[in-house]
Protein backbone atom coordinates (compact mmCIF):
# COMPACT_ATOMS: atom_id res chain seq x y z
CA MET A 1 88.10 104.56 146.86
CA GLU A 2 84.83 106.33 147.66
CA THR A 3 82.07 105.17 145.36
CA ARG A 4 80.05 107.72 143.45
CA ALA A 5 76.33 107.65 142.67
CA SER A 6 75.55 106.44 139.17
CA SER A 7 75.24 109.13 136.54
CA PHE A 8 72.15 107.35 135.24
CA SER A 9 70.35 106.66 138.52
CA SER A 10 67.92 109.53 137.97
CA CYS A 11 67.20 112.42 135.66
CA ARG A 12 68.71 114.85 138.17
CA ALA A 13 71.88 112.71 138.48
CA TYR A 14 72.25 112.63 134.71
CA LEU A 15 71.84 116.40 134.37
CA ARG A 16 74.45 116.86 137.11
CA ALA A 17 76.75 114.51 135.18
CA LEU A 18 76.25 116.47 131.96
CA ALA A 19 77.28 119.65 133.76
CA GLN A 20 80.55 117.93 134.66
CA THR A 21 81.17 116.69 131.09
CA PRO A 22 84.28 118.84 130.35
CA ALA A 23 86.04 117.68 133.52
CA ARG A 24 85.09 114.06 132.90
CA LEU A 25 86.29 114.24 129.30
CA ALA A 26 89.61 115.64 130.47
CA ARG A 27 89.94 112.76 132.94
CA ARG A 28 88.70 109.82 130.85
CA ALA A 29 89.26 110.58 127.14
CA ALA A 30 93.06 110.11 127.19
CA SER A 31 93.05 107.49 129.96
CA VAL A 32 94.89 104.36 128.83
CA SER A 33 94.74 100.77 129.96
CA THR A 34 97.67 98.33 130.13
CA SER A 35 98.26 94.98 128.48
CA TYR A 36 98.08 93.25 131.84
CA GLU A 37 94.78 94.92 132.74
CA GLU A 38 93.26 94.02 129.37
CA MET A 39 94.25 90.38 129.87
CA SER A 40 93.21 90.08 133.52
CA GLN A 41 90.83 92.53 135.22
CA VAL A 42 89.15 93.70 132.01
CA ARG A 43 88.71 90.18 130.67
CA ALA A 44 87.27 89.03 134.02
CA ARG A 45 84.30 91.38 133.56
CA SER A 46 82.79 88.94 131.09
CA GLY A 47 82.26 86.41 133.89
CA SER A 48 83.04 83.13 132.15
CA ASP A 49 86.18 82.74 130.02
CA MET A 50 86.27 82.04 126.31
CA ILE A 51 87.77 78.57 125.79
CA LYS A 52 91.28 78.39 124.23
CA SER A 53 90.51 75.87 121.49
CA LEU A 54 91.88 77.38 118.25
CA ARG A 55 95.17 76.56 116.45
CA TRP A 56 96.96 78.20 113.53
CA TYR A 57 95.07 76.16 110.94
CA ASP A 58 91.77 77.31 112.49
CA LEU A 59 92.94 80.91 112.12
CA VAL A 60 94.03 80.38 108.51
CA GLY A 61 90.65 78.77 107.84
CA PHE A 62 88.84 81.67 109.49
CA GLY A 63 90.97 84.15 107.54
CA ILE A 64 90.31 82.51 104.18
CA GLY A 65 86.66 81.95 104.98
CA GLY A 66 86.23 85.51 106.18
CA MET A 67 87.90 87.16 103.21
CA VAL A 68 87.14 84.97 100.20
CA GLY A 69 83.50 85.41 99.39
CA ALA A 70 82.99 89.00 100.42
CA GLY A 71 85.57 90.28 97.95
CA VAL A 72 85.51 88.26 94.79
CA PHE A 73 81.83 87.40 94.82
CA VAL A 74 80.45 90.77 95.83
CA THR A 75 82.84 93.65 94.97
CA THR A 76 84.87 92.41 91.98
CA GLY A 77 82.18 93.00 89.39
CA ARG A 78 81.46 96.54 90.52
CA ALA A 79 85.15 97.49 90.82
CA SER A 80 85.94 96.14 87.36
CA ARG A 81 82.88 97.57 85.62
CA LEU A 82 83.08 101.05 87.12
CA TYR A 83 86.73 101.70 87.97
CA SER A 84 89.55 99.33 87.04
CA GLY A 85 88.50 97.32 84.01
CA PRO A 86 90.79 94.31 83.43
CA ALA A 87 93.36 95.96 85.71
CA VAL A 88 91.18 94.93 88.66
CA VAL A 89 93.87 92.25 89.06
CA ILE A 90 96.34 94.98 90.02
CA SER A 91 93.73 96.63 92.23
CA TYR A 92 93.52 93.42 94.23
CA ALA A 93 97.30 93.14 94.43
CA ILE A 94 97.59 96.72 95.76
CA ALA A 95 94.81 96.19 98.29
CA GLY A 96 96.43 92.89 99.31
CA LEU A 97 99.80 94.56 99.90
CA CYS A 98 98.14 97.24 101.99
CA ALA A 99 96.29 94.56 103.96
CA LEU A 100 99.48 92.55 104.55
CA LEU A 101 101.33 95.56 105.95
CA SER A 102 98.38 96.28 108.21
CA ALA A 103 98.27 92.60 109.17
CA PHE A 104 101.85 92.85 110.45
CA CYS A 105 100.77 95.71 112.72
CA TYR A 106 97.79 93.73 113.99
CA THR A 107 99.95 90.67 114.59
CA GLU A 108 102.43 92.51 116.84
CA PHE A 109 99.59 93.68 119.06
CA ALA A 110 97.72 90.36 119.01
CA VAL A 111 100.79 88.32 120.02
CA ASP A 112 101.68 90.74 122.80
CA MET A 113 98.09 91.12 124.00
CA PRO A 114 95.91 88.13 122.97
CA VAL A 115 92.47 89.51 123.80
CA ALA A 116 89.23 89.61 121.84
CA GLY A 117 89.18 93.39 121.41
CA GLY A 118 91.35 93.69 118.31
CA ALA A 119 91.94 97.28 117.21
CA PHE A 120 89.77 98.65 120.03
CA SER A 121 92.05 97.17 122.70
CA TYR A 122 95.22 98.09 120.78
CA LEU A 123 94.24 101.76 120.64
CA ARG A 124 92.96 101.78 124.21
CA VAL A 125 96.40 100.85 125.55
CA THR A 126 98.10 103.30 123.17
CA PHE A 127 96.05 106.45 122.60
CA GLY A 128 93.39 106.17 125.27
CA GLU A 129 89.68 105.62 125.68
CA PHE A 130 88.27 108.21 123.26
CA ALA A 131 90.40 107.17 120.26
CA ALA A 132 89.60 103.53 121.00
CA PHE A 133 85.87 104.24 121.22
CA ILE A 134 85.72 106.14 117.91
CA THR A 135 87.71 103.36 116.25
CA GLY A 136 85.63 100.62 117.87
CA ALA A 137 82.38 102.29 116.86
CA ASN A 138 83.59 102.52 113.25
CA LEU A 139 84.71 98.90 113.35
CA VAL A 140 81.37 97.63 114.58
CA MET A 141 79.62 99.74 111.95
CA ASP A 142 82.01 98.36 109.29
CA TYR A 143 81.14 94.82 110.27
CA VAL A 144 77.41 95.44 110.35
CA MET A 145 77.48 97.16 106.95
CA SER A 146 79.78 94.60 105.30
CA ASN A 147 77.76 91.69 106.64
CA ALA A 148 74.57 93.30 105.38
CA ALA A 149 76.21 93.81 101.97
CA VAL A 150 77.46 90.24 101.83
CA SER A 151 74.11 88.78 102.86
CA ARG A 152 72.42 90.68 100.01
CA GLY A 153 75.09 89.30 97.70
CA PHE A 154 74.11 85.83 98.93
CA THR A 155 70.60 86.43 97.57
CA ALA A 156 71.98 87.24 94.12
CA TYR A 157 74.15 84.11 93.96
CA LEU A 158 71.50 81.83 95.42
CA GLY A 159 69.22 83.01 92.65
CA ALA A 160 71.96 82.24 90.10
CA ALA A 161 72.45 78.77 91.60
CA ILE A 162 68.81 77.77 91.17
CA GLY A 163 68.07 79.85 88.09
CA VAL A 164 65.78 82.47 89.68
CA SER A 165 66.24 86.19 89.01
CA THR A 166 67.30 88.33 91.99
CA ALA A 167 64.36 90.66 91.33
CA LYS A 168 61.95 87.83 92.18
CA TRP A 169 63.57 87.41 95.60
CA ARG A 170 63.22 91.06 96.56
CA ILE A 171 60.15 93.21 97.14
CA THR A 172 60.25 96.77 95.79
CA VAL A 173 58.58 99.43 97.97
CA THR A 174 57.76 102.50 95.93
CA GLY A 175 57.48 104.89 98.87
CA LEU A 176 61.14 104.49 99.95
CA PRO A 177 64.13 106.32 98.36
CA LYS A 178 66.23 104.56 95.76
CA GLY A 179 68.92 102.41 97.34
CA PHE A 180 66.68 101.65 100.31
CA ASN A 181 63.55 100.40 98.57
CA GLU A 182 64.32 96.71 97.82
CA ILE A 183 63.27 94.44 100.69
CA ASP A 184 65.46 91.31 100.88
CA VAL A 185 63.92 88.69 103.20
CA VAL A 186 66.43 85.97 102.21
CA ALA A 187 69.36 88.10 103.41
CA VAL A 188 67.63 88.55 106.77
CA LEU A 189 67.06 84.81 107.20
CA VAL A 190 70.72 84.06 106.38
CA VAL A 191 71.99 86.58 108.94
CA LEU A 192 69.72 85.20 111.65
CA PHE A 193 70.78 81.61 110.85
CA VAL A 194 74.48 82.50 111.16
CA THR A 195 73.75 84.36 114.41
CA LEU A 196 72.32 81.18 115.94
CA ILE A 197 75.45 79.23 114.93
CA ILE A 198 77.96 81.67 116.42
CA CYS A 199 75.98 81.87 119.66
CA TYR A 200 76.26 78.10 120.06
CA SER A 201 80.04 77.46 120.05
CA THR A 202 83.30 78.85 118.63
CA ARG A 203 84.84 75.38 118.24
CA GLU A 204 81.86 74.08 116.27
CA SER A 205 81.80 77.33 114.28
CA SER A 206 85.43 76.64 113.31
CA VAL A 207 84.60 73.10 112.19
CA LEU A 208 81.68 74.35 110.11
CA ASN A 209 83.88 77.09 108.66
CA MET A 210 86.55 74.54 107.71
CA VAL A 211 84.02 72.36 105.88
CA LEU A 212 82.39 75.27 104.04
CA THR A 213 85.76 76.86 103.22
CA GLY A 214 87.10 73.55 101.86
CA LEU A 215 84.08 73.24 99.57
CA HIS A 216 84.41 76.87 98.61
CA ILE A 217 88.09 76.47 97.63
CA LEU A 218 87.09 73.67 95.27
CA PHE A 219 84.61 75.99 93.56
CA ILE A 220 87.26 78.72 93.39
CA LEU A 221 89.70 76.38 91.66
CA PHE A 222 86.89 75.40 89.28
CA VAL A 223 86.25 79.05 88.38
CA ILE A 224 89.95 79.78 87.88
CA VAL A 225 90.51 76.75 85.65
CA ILE A 226 87.34 77.30 83.61
CA GLY A 227 88.02 81.02 83.26
CA PHE A 228 91.55 80.57 81.92
CA TRP A 229 90.46 77.69 79.68
CA LYS A 230 87.21 79.12 78.36
CA GLY A 231 88.11 82.82 78.29
CA ASP A 232 89.76 84.93 75.62
CA TRP A 233 92.94 87.00 76.16
CA LYS A 234 91.60 89.80 73.97
CA ASN A 235 89.09 90.64 76.71
CA PHE A 236 92.01 92.03 78.71
CA THR A 237 92.39 94.89 76.22
CA GLU A 238 89.19 95.13 74.15
CA PRO A 239 85.78 96.19 75.53
CA ALA A 240 82.59 94.95 73.90
CA ASP A 241 81.60 98.52 72.97
CA PRO A 242 84.80 100.49 72.21
CA THR A 243 82.84 103.53 71.03
CA HIS A 244 81.45 104.18 74.50
CA HIS A 245 84.09 102.56 76.72
CA PRO A 246 87.88 103.09 76.64
CA SER A 247 90.12 100.25 75.50
CA GLY A 248 93.30 98.76 76.93
CA PHE A 249 94.33 96.90 80.07
CA PHE A 250 94.18 100.22 81.98
CA PRO A 251 90.98 101.75 80.53
CA TYR A 252 90.63 104.31 83.32
CA GLY A 253 94.33 104.81 84.02
CA ALA A 254 96.15 104.72 87.33
CA SER A 255 93.37 106.56 89.14
CA GLY A 256 90.93 103.83 88.14
CA ILE A 257 93.24 101.16 89.55
CA PHE A 258 93.48 102.88 92.92
CA ASN A 259 89.76 103.66 93.00
CA GLY A 260 89.15 99.97 92.39
CA ALA A 261 91.69 99.04 95.09
CA ALA A 262 89.86 101.24 97.59
CA MET A 263 86.56 99.54 96.78
CA VAL A 264 87.86 95.96 96.92
CA TYR A 265 89.63 96.65 100.21
CA LEU A 266 86.40 95.44 101.78
CA SER A 267 87.62 91.99 100.73
CA TYR A 268 90.36 91.99 103.38
CA ILE A 269 88.32 92.85 106.43
CA GLY A 270 88.33 89.15 107.34
CA TYR A 271 91.86 89.08 108.77
CA ASP A 272 90.82 91.75 111.26
CA ALA A 273 88.16 89.33 112.51
CA VAL A 274 90.89 86.70 112.99
CA SER A 275 92.72 89.02 115.38
CA THR A 276 89.60 89.26 117.56
CA MET A 277 89.83 85.52 118.22
CA ALA A 278 93.27 85.84 119.84
CA GLU A 279 91.74 85.25 123.26
CA GLU A 280 90.63 81.78 122.11
CA VAL A 281 93.99 80.71 120.60
CA ARG A 282 96.05 78.02 122.38
CA ASP A 283 99.52 79.32 121.43
CA PRO A 284 99.25 83.00 120.39
CA VAL A 285 103.00 83.45 119.79
CA LYS A 286 103.08 80.75 117.12
CA ASP A 287 99.53 80.58 115.82
CA ILE A 288 98.57 84.25 115.36
CA PRO A 289 101.41 85.30 112.97
CA ILE A 290 100.79 82.25 110.78
CA GLY A 291 97.02 82.63 110.91
CA VAL A 292 96.81 86.36 110.17
CA SER A 293 99.62 86.92 107.66
CA GLY A 294 99.30 83.50 106.04
CA SER A 295 95.61 83.92 105.33
CA VAL A 296 96.16 87.39 103.78
CA ILE A 297 98.87 86.06 101.43
CA ILE A 298 96.84 83.03 100.35
CA VAL A 299 93.71 85.10 99.78
CA THR A 300 95.56 87.78 97.79
CA VAL A 301 96.83 85.13 95.37
CA LEU A 302 93.34 83.64 95.04
CA TYR A 303 91.79 87.07 94.47
CA CYS A 304 94.23 87.97 91.71
CA LEU A 305 93.69 84.64 89.95
CA MET A 306 89.91 84.97 90.26
CA ALA A 307 89.93 88.55 88.97
CA ALA A 308 92.11 87.51 86.01
CA SER A 309 89.76 84.63 85.29
CA MET A 310 86.74 86.93 85.26
CA SER A 311 88.50 89.49 83.05
CA LYS A 312 89.40 86.74 80.59
CA LEU A 313 85.83 85.46 80.44
CA LEU A 314 84.14 88.77 79.52
CA PRO A 315 85.00 92.30 78.36
CA TYR A 316 84.85 94.54 81.41
CA ASP A 317 81.89 96.54 80.08
CA LEU A 318 79.75 93.38 79.98
CA ILE A 319 80.54 92.20 83.51
CA ASP A 320 77.54 92.01 85.82
CA ALA A 321 78.15 94.36 88.76
CA GLU A 322 76.29 92.22 91.35
CA ALA A 323 77.06 88.61 90.35
CA PRO A 324 79.96 88.79 87.88
CA PHE A 325 81.07 85.15 87.78
CA SER A 326 77.75 83.37 87.47
CA ALA A 327 76.47 85.97 84.99
CA ALA A 328 79.55 85.38 82.82
CA PHE A 329 78.16 81.94 81.92
CA SER A 330 74.45 82.62 82.07
CA GLY A 331 74.25 83.79 78.47
CA GLU A 332 76.35 80.99 76.98
CA SER A 333 74.65 78.77 74.41
CA ASP A 334 77.34 76.14 73.83
CA GLY A 335 76.70 73.91 76.83
CA TRP A 336 78.33 76.06 79.51
CA LYS A 337 75.24 77.62 81.08
CA TRP A 338 75.37 74.95 83.82
CA ALA A 339 78.58 76.58 85.07
CA SER A 340 76.55 79.59 86.17
CA ASN A 341 74.59 77.39 88.57
CA VAL A 342 77.77 75.74 89.88
CA ILE A 343 79.40 79.12 90.52
CA GLY A 344 76.27 80.31 92.26
CA VAL A 345 76.46 77.36 94.65
CA GLY A 346 80.18 77.95 95.30
CA ALA A 347 79.68 81.66 95.89
CA SER A 348 76.86 80.90 98.31
CA PHE A 349 79.23 78.72 100.36
CA GLY A 350 81.86 81.46 100.31
CA ILE A 351 79.44 84.15 101.39
CA LEU A 352 78.23 81.98 104.27
CA THR A 353 81.79 81.50 105.52
CA SER A 354 82.59 85.21 105.28
CA LEU A 355 79.40 85.99 107.17
CA LEU A 356 80.25 83.43 109.82
CA VAL A 357 83.75 84.82 110.45
CA ALA A 358 82.77 88.48 110.30
CA MET A 359 79.86 87.99 112.69
CA LEU A 360 82.17 86.16 115.09
CA GLY A 361 84.50 89.17 114.91
CA GLN A 362 81.87 91.85 115.36
CA ALA A 363 80.48 90.12 118.46
CA ARG A 364 83.92 89.94 120.08
CA TYR A 365 84.56 93.61 119.39
CA MET A 366 81.27 94.51 121.02
CA CYS A 367 82.03 92.21 123.94
CA VAL A 368 85.35 93.93 124.72
CA ILE A 369 83.87 97.41 124.23
CA GLY A 370 81.32 96.35 126.84
CA ARG A 371 84.14 95.29 129.17
CA SER A 372 85.51 98.84 129.00
CA ARG A 373 82.10 100.13 130.20
CA VAL A 374 81.80 102.70 127.41
CA VAL A 375 78.74 100.73 126.27
CA PRO A 376 76.45 98.79 128.64
CA ALA A 377 78.26 95.94 130.43
CA TRP A 378 75.43 93.65 129.27
CA PHE A 379 77.31 93.28 125.96
CA ALA A 380 80.41 91.93 127.76
CA LYS A 381 78.75 88.83 129.22
CA VAL A 382 80.08 85.45 128.10
CA HIS A 383 77.57 82.63 128.48
CA PRO A 384 78.89 79.97 130.91
CA LYS A 385 77.59 77.04 128.81
CA THR A 386 78.54 78.14 125.30
CA SER A 387 81.62 80.24 126.25
CA THR A 388 80.53 82.77 123.62
CA PRO A 389 79.43 86.43 123.91
CA VAL A 390 75.77 85.59 123.35
CA ASN A 391 74.36 89.05 124.14
CA ALA A 392 76.65 90.88 121.72
CA SER A 393 76.16 88.20 119.04
CA ALA A 394 72.37 88.33 119.22
CA PHE A 395 72.11 92.13 119.33
CA LEU A 396 74.44 92.72 116.37
CA GLY A 397 72.89 89.85 114.42
CA ILE A 398 69.45 91.45 114.67
CA PHE A 399 70.88 94.88 113.83
CA THR A 400 72.67 93.47 110.76
CA ALA A 401 69.49 91.74 109.63
CA LEU A 402 67.56 95.02 109.79
CA ILE A 403 70.19 96.80 107.65
CA ALA A 404 70.29 93.92 105.14
CA LEU A 405 66.51 94.03 104.82
CA PHE A 406 66.36 97.24 102.80
CA THR A 407 69.80 98.80 102.07
CA ASP A 408 71.30 98.53 98.57
CA LEU A 409 74.74 96.98 98.05
CA ASN A 410 76.31 100.10 96.53
CA VAL A 411 75.28 102.27 99.50
CA LEU A 412 77.08 99.87 101.84
CA LEU A 413 80.37 99.13 100.07
CA ASN A 414 82.10 102.52 100.01
CA LEU A 415 81.05 103.25 103.59
CA VAL A 416 82.67 99.99 104.69
CA SER A 417 85.85 100.69 102.73
CA ILE A 418 86.36 104.14 104.25
CA GLY A 419 85.80 102.86 107.79
CA THR A 420 88.15 99.92 107.29
CA LEU A 421 90.92 102.12 105.89
CA PHE A 422 90.53 104.55 108.81
CA VAL A 423 90.85 101.75 111.39
CA PHE A 424 93.90 100.22 109.71
CA TYR A 425 95.47 103.69 109.53
CA MET A 426 94.94 104.13 113.28
CA VAL A 427 96.48 100.73 114.12
CA ALA A 428 99.58 101.51 112.02
CA ASN A 429 100.04 104.77 113.94
CA ALA A 430 99.52 102.95 117.23
CA VAL A 431 102.21 100.33 116.60
CA ILE A 432 104.80 103.07 115.91
CA TYR A 433 103.75 105.08 118.96
CA ARG A 434 103.89 102.02 121.21
CA ARG A 435 107.40 101.10 120.02
CA TYR A 436 108.84 104.58 120.50
CA VAL A 437 106.93 105.94 123.52
CA ALA A 438 106.64 104.64 127.06
CA VAL A 439 104.14 107.07 128.49
CA GLY A 440 105.34 108.60 131.72
CA THR A 441 109.03 107.91 131.04
CA THR A 442 109.73 109.23 127.52
CA ASN A 443 108.80 112.43 125.70
CA PRO A 444 105.97 111.57 123.26
CA TRP A 445 106.23 114.73 121.16
CA PRO A 446 108.98 113.63 118.73
CA THR A 447 106.91 110.56 117.82
CA LEU A 448 103.62 112.46 117.68
CA SER A 449 105.24 115.16 115.54
CA PHE A 450 106.54 112.54 113.12
CA LEU A 451 103.17 110.77 112.88
CA CYS A 452 101.29 114.04 112.27
CA SER A 453 103.86 115.34 109.76
CA PHE A 454 104.03 112.05 107.88
CA SER A 455 100.24 111.84 107.69
CA PHE A 456 100.04 115.46 106.48
CA THR A 457 102.64 114.79 103.77
CA SER A 458 100.73 111.67 102.69
CA ILE A 459 97.53 113.70 102.50
CA MET A 460 99.25 116.35 100.35
CA PHE A 461 100.60 113.65 98.01
CA THR A 462 97.10 112.18 97.72
CA LEU A 463 95.46 115.55 97.02
CA ILE A 464 98.04 116.36 94.34
CA TRP A 465 97.49 112.92 92.76
CA GLN A 466 93.72 113.35 92.75
CA PHE A 467 93.24 117.00 91.79
CA ALA A 468 96.36 118.44 90.11
CA PRO A 469 96.10 118.54 86.29
CA PRO A 470 98.39 116.12 84.42
CA GLY A 471 101.75 117.42 83.38
CA LYS A 472 105.28 118.14 84.52
CA PRO A 473 104.27 120.35 87.51
CA LYS A 474 102.21 117.51 88.93
CA ALA A 475 105.10 115.07 88.57
CA VAL A 476 107.45 117.53 90.28
CA MET A 477 105.05 118.08 93.19
CA LEU A 478 104.49 114.36 93.62
CA GLY A 479 108.22 113.70 93.56
CA ALA A 480 108.86 116.47 96.10
CA SER A 481 106.15 115.13 98.44
CA GLY A 482 107.55 111.62 98.21
CA LEU A 483 111.08 112.85 98.87
CA ILE A 484 109.95 114.84 101.92
CA ALA A 485 108.13 111.80 103.32
CA PHE A 486 111.20 109.62 102.77
CA ALA A 487 113.53 112.14 104.44
CA MET A 488 111.14 112.59 107.34
CA LEU A 489 110.98 108.84 107.91
CA GLN A 490 114.74 108.41 107.75
CA ILE A 491 115.39 111.30 110.16
CA PHE A 492 112.89 109.88 112.65
CA ARG A 493 114.43 106.40 112.42
CA CYS A 494 117.94 107.76 113.09
CA THR A 495 117.14 110.25 115.82
CA VAL A 496 114.37 108.69 117.94
CA PRO A 497 115.29 105.41 119.71
CA GLN A 498 112.84 102.58 120.26
CA VAL A 499 111.92 102.14 123.91
CA ARG A 500 110.00 98.87 123.63
CA LYS A 501 111.22 95.73 121.89
CA PRO A 502 108.59 93.01 121.34
CA GLU A 503 109.50 89.89 123.28
CA PHE A 504 107.94 87.39 120.87
CA TRP A 505 106.96 88.88 117.48
CA GLY A 506 107.30 92.40 116.10
CA VAL A 507 106.76 94.24 112.84
CA PRO A 508 110.01 93.98 110.85
CA PHE A 509 111.86 97.01 109.42
CA MET A 510 110.38 99.42 111.96
CA PRO A 511 109.23 102.11 111.28
CA TRP A 512 109.21 101.56 107.51
CA ILE A 513 106.43 98.97 107.20
CA PRO A 514 103.83 100.71 109.40
CA SER A 515 104.73 104.05 107.80
CA ILE A 516 104.13 102.62 104.33
CA SER A 517 100.86 101.23 105.66
CA ILE A 518 99.91 104.72 106.86
CA PHE A 519 100.70 106.16 103.42
CA LEU A 520 98.79 103.47 101.50
CA ASN A 521 95.73 103.75 103.71
CA ILE A 522 95.64 107.54 103.28
CA PHE A 523 96.19 107.17 99.53
CA LEU A 524 93.34 104.70 99.19
CA LEU A 525 91.13 106.92 101.35
CA GLY A 526 91.73 109.67 98.80
CA SER A 527 90.32 107.43 96.08
CA LEU A 528 86.86 107.26 97.63
CA ASP A 529 83.97 109.52 96.65
CA GLY A 530 82.49 112.48 98.51
CA PRO A 531 79.26 110.77 99.65
CA SER A 532 81.36 108.10 101.37
CA TYR A 533 83.09 110.79 103.44
CA ALA A 534 79.73 112.36 104.24
CA ARG A 535 78.42 109.05 105.58
CA PHE A 536 81.65 108.38 107.44
CA GLY A 537 81.53 111.86 108.99
CA PHE A 538 77.91 111.29 109.99
CA PHE A 539 78.62 108.01 111.77
CA SER A 540 81.80 109.34 113.39
CA GLY A 541 79.89 112.38 114.61
CA LEU A 542 77.18 110.09 115.96
CA ALA A 543 79.86 108.08 117.81
CA VAL A 544 81.25 111.30 119.34
CA LEU A 545 77.79 112.23 120.58
CA VAL A 546 77.31 108.78 122.12
CA TYR A 547 80.67 109.10 123.86
CA VAL A 548 79.94 112.59 125.20
CA PHE A 549 76.37 111.91 126.35
CA TYR A 550 76.80 108.32 127.58
CA SER A 551 80.18 106.59 127.39
CA VAL A 552 82.36 109.08 129.25
CA HIS A 553 79.88 109.15 132.14
CA ALA A 554 79.59 105.35 132.24
CA SER A 555 83.37 104.92 132.33
CA PHE A 556 83.66 107.70 134.94
CA ASP A 557 81.16 105.80 137.11
CA ALA A 558 83.13 102.58 136.59
CA GLU A 559 86.30 104.37 137.69
CA GLY A 560 84.52 105.52 140.83
CA GLU A 561 83.51 101.93 141.56
CA GLY A 562 87.12 100.83 141.17
CA SER A 563 86.41 98.93 137.92
CA LEU A 564 88.52 101.20 135.71
CA SER A 565 91.82 103.00 136.22
CA VAL A 566 92.91 106.44 135.10
CA LYS A 567 96.53 105.55 134.33
CA ASN A 568 98.77 107.60 132.12
CA GLY A 569 100.20 104.63 130.31
CA GLU A 570 102.53 101.68 130.53
CA ILE A 571 106.02 101.92 131.93
CA HIS A 572 108.71 99.30 132.22
CA MET A 573 106.49 96.43 133.38
CA GLU A 574 105.84 94.79 130.01
CA PRO A 575 108.00 91.65 130.43
CA THR A 576 106.44 90.98 133.83
CA ASP A 577 102.96 91.50 132.37
CA GLN A 578 103.70 89.00 129.61
CA GLU A 579 105.01 86.47 132.08
CA ILE A 580 101.86 86.88 134.15
CA SER A 581 99.69 86.50 131.06
CA ARG A 582 101.49 83.32 130.07
CA ASP A 583 100.94 81.95 133.56
CA ASN A 584 97.25 82.81 133.33
CA SER A 585 97.02 81.18 129.91
CA LEU A 586 98.46 77.95 131.27
CA LYS A 587 95.81 77.87 133.97
CA VAL A 588 92.91 78.13 131.53
């Protein structure tokens, strides 16, 4: 193939490239990769390989460590105080179910294509480069924001552990707007410390995660036992100030439960990080399903027990929004104040493990995005001595530290939730499309029509739920929307045959489970507030601009060099690709 001059070699070359943007978008935006390419040529662009050293128990440990800490110790207080009340237990159960269904979708992809790219790679082989880039950009932003939020939560619990107020750890700058005016140096130091660890070694990071997670589980059991023993059941139904706050287990009704579920969904972002470690797993077929789904189930049970414990300890209107568990004991005068310090120590361990896992995940996403050439290839490099993506780890660690320095927790949480729900929604669509469409050999329009129609019906159901006034007409409209969605799903299942059967592990009850995941993700998206959508739209628009002005030209150049293909999709070569990948895995 004739090589082309780089689009970025000079100002004139870049202007010439911009003039060709429409043609390049038409060529690259829908261009898909294949499983075999992702596992061979694409992976080779990192130079050195990541070592296959992880087993199923490592993945379960990473999953638990990544999820427990961010959810219970950062978001539970805010979700209970503002949205769900004592019914935050049900909010966690709903979010956990949604996460488990999404985890099934992730697992099918990760077993079939064990690479570090997670959702980015899954969408790249399904919907093409542009959809993968927008999703990958949102994922990286999710990780950066959630890690910044969690690191600021670490400051609050560290203060509780040693008996120092959070306000004394942070510096208030009067010239900055509210929500961005509290400088948190401790959060920055924690992020930089974790960055050094993940740059050093994945195997050692797993050992450290196991130790910290084990200690953290002990503190969790302590909180659950103490909460159920010390707490009062009346707190499940009676607020401290009934004149200003509604009573009952469902003080804000069903809408409050789902609003709370949307907020605490941040808690489950950890299993997504586990899928990014698939490239470093010894036996993906066995270890990934156990690691991903098993960790989600275990964590959901722990979350529900922890939320129930907290609700039993205090009326929901007295729960501290930033450090709910330690604050529940801080005002006790009968010898239990020491428990606040113990919980602060346990929460600090949990937040460190969640930071460790999430920062491992964000670096691997950035590494694989770099392999695709839509961001500089510098991010794709794996260090030959540490076998880790050092460049991506260091860059994102510094970026996370800068966000954690000044951004308030509440500004971060809803933005992370909306991005996470969007990514999980995209992966659920992708697993259906991949099962029913072999691009180049089957007609994709029946499947695309179903996915668009089902999403539209789910959106209508959500809008009716959120905005229609209570009464019989609302119930009728909701019932009609649900019936239409059910009929649509059943017709699709009976009339459109599957063209690809997973060789090792697949989502059961196809297409029911991923379709329910699509519905739940849309429904939870509808529970978020307007400013969250504004921020999400801003970052998505920014990602589109980056793609148009840089990424499409970089990938076009890579295609000209022979580094990237412009295939239309995968056809009946999947078993051979998997056999080749197994052979390659044995050689590593």
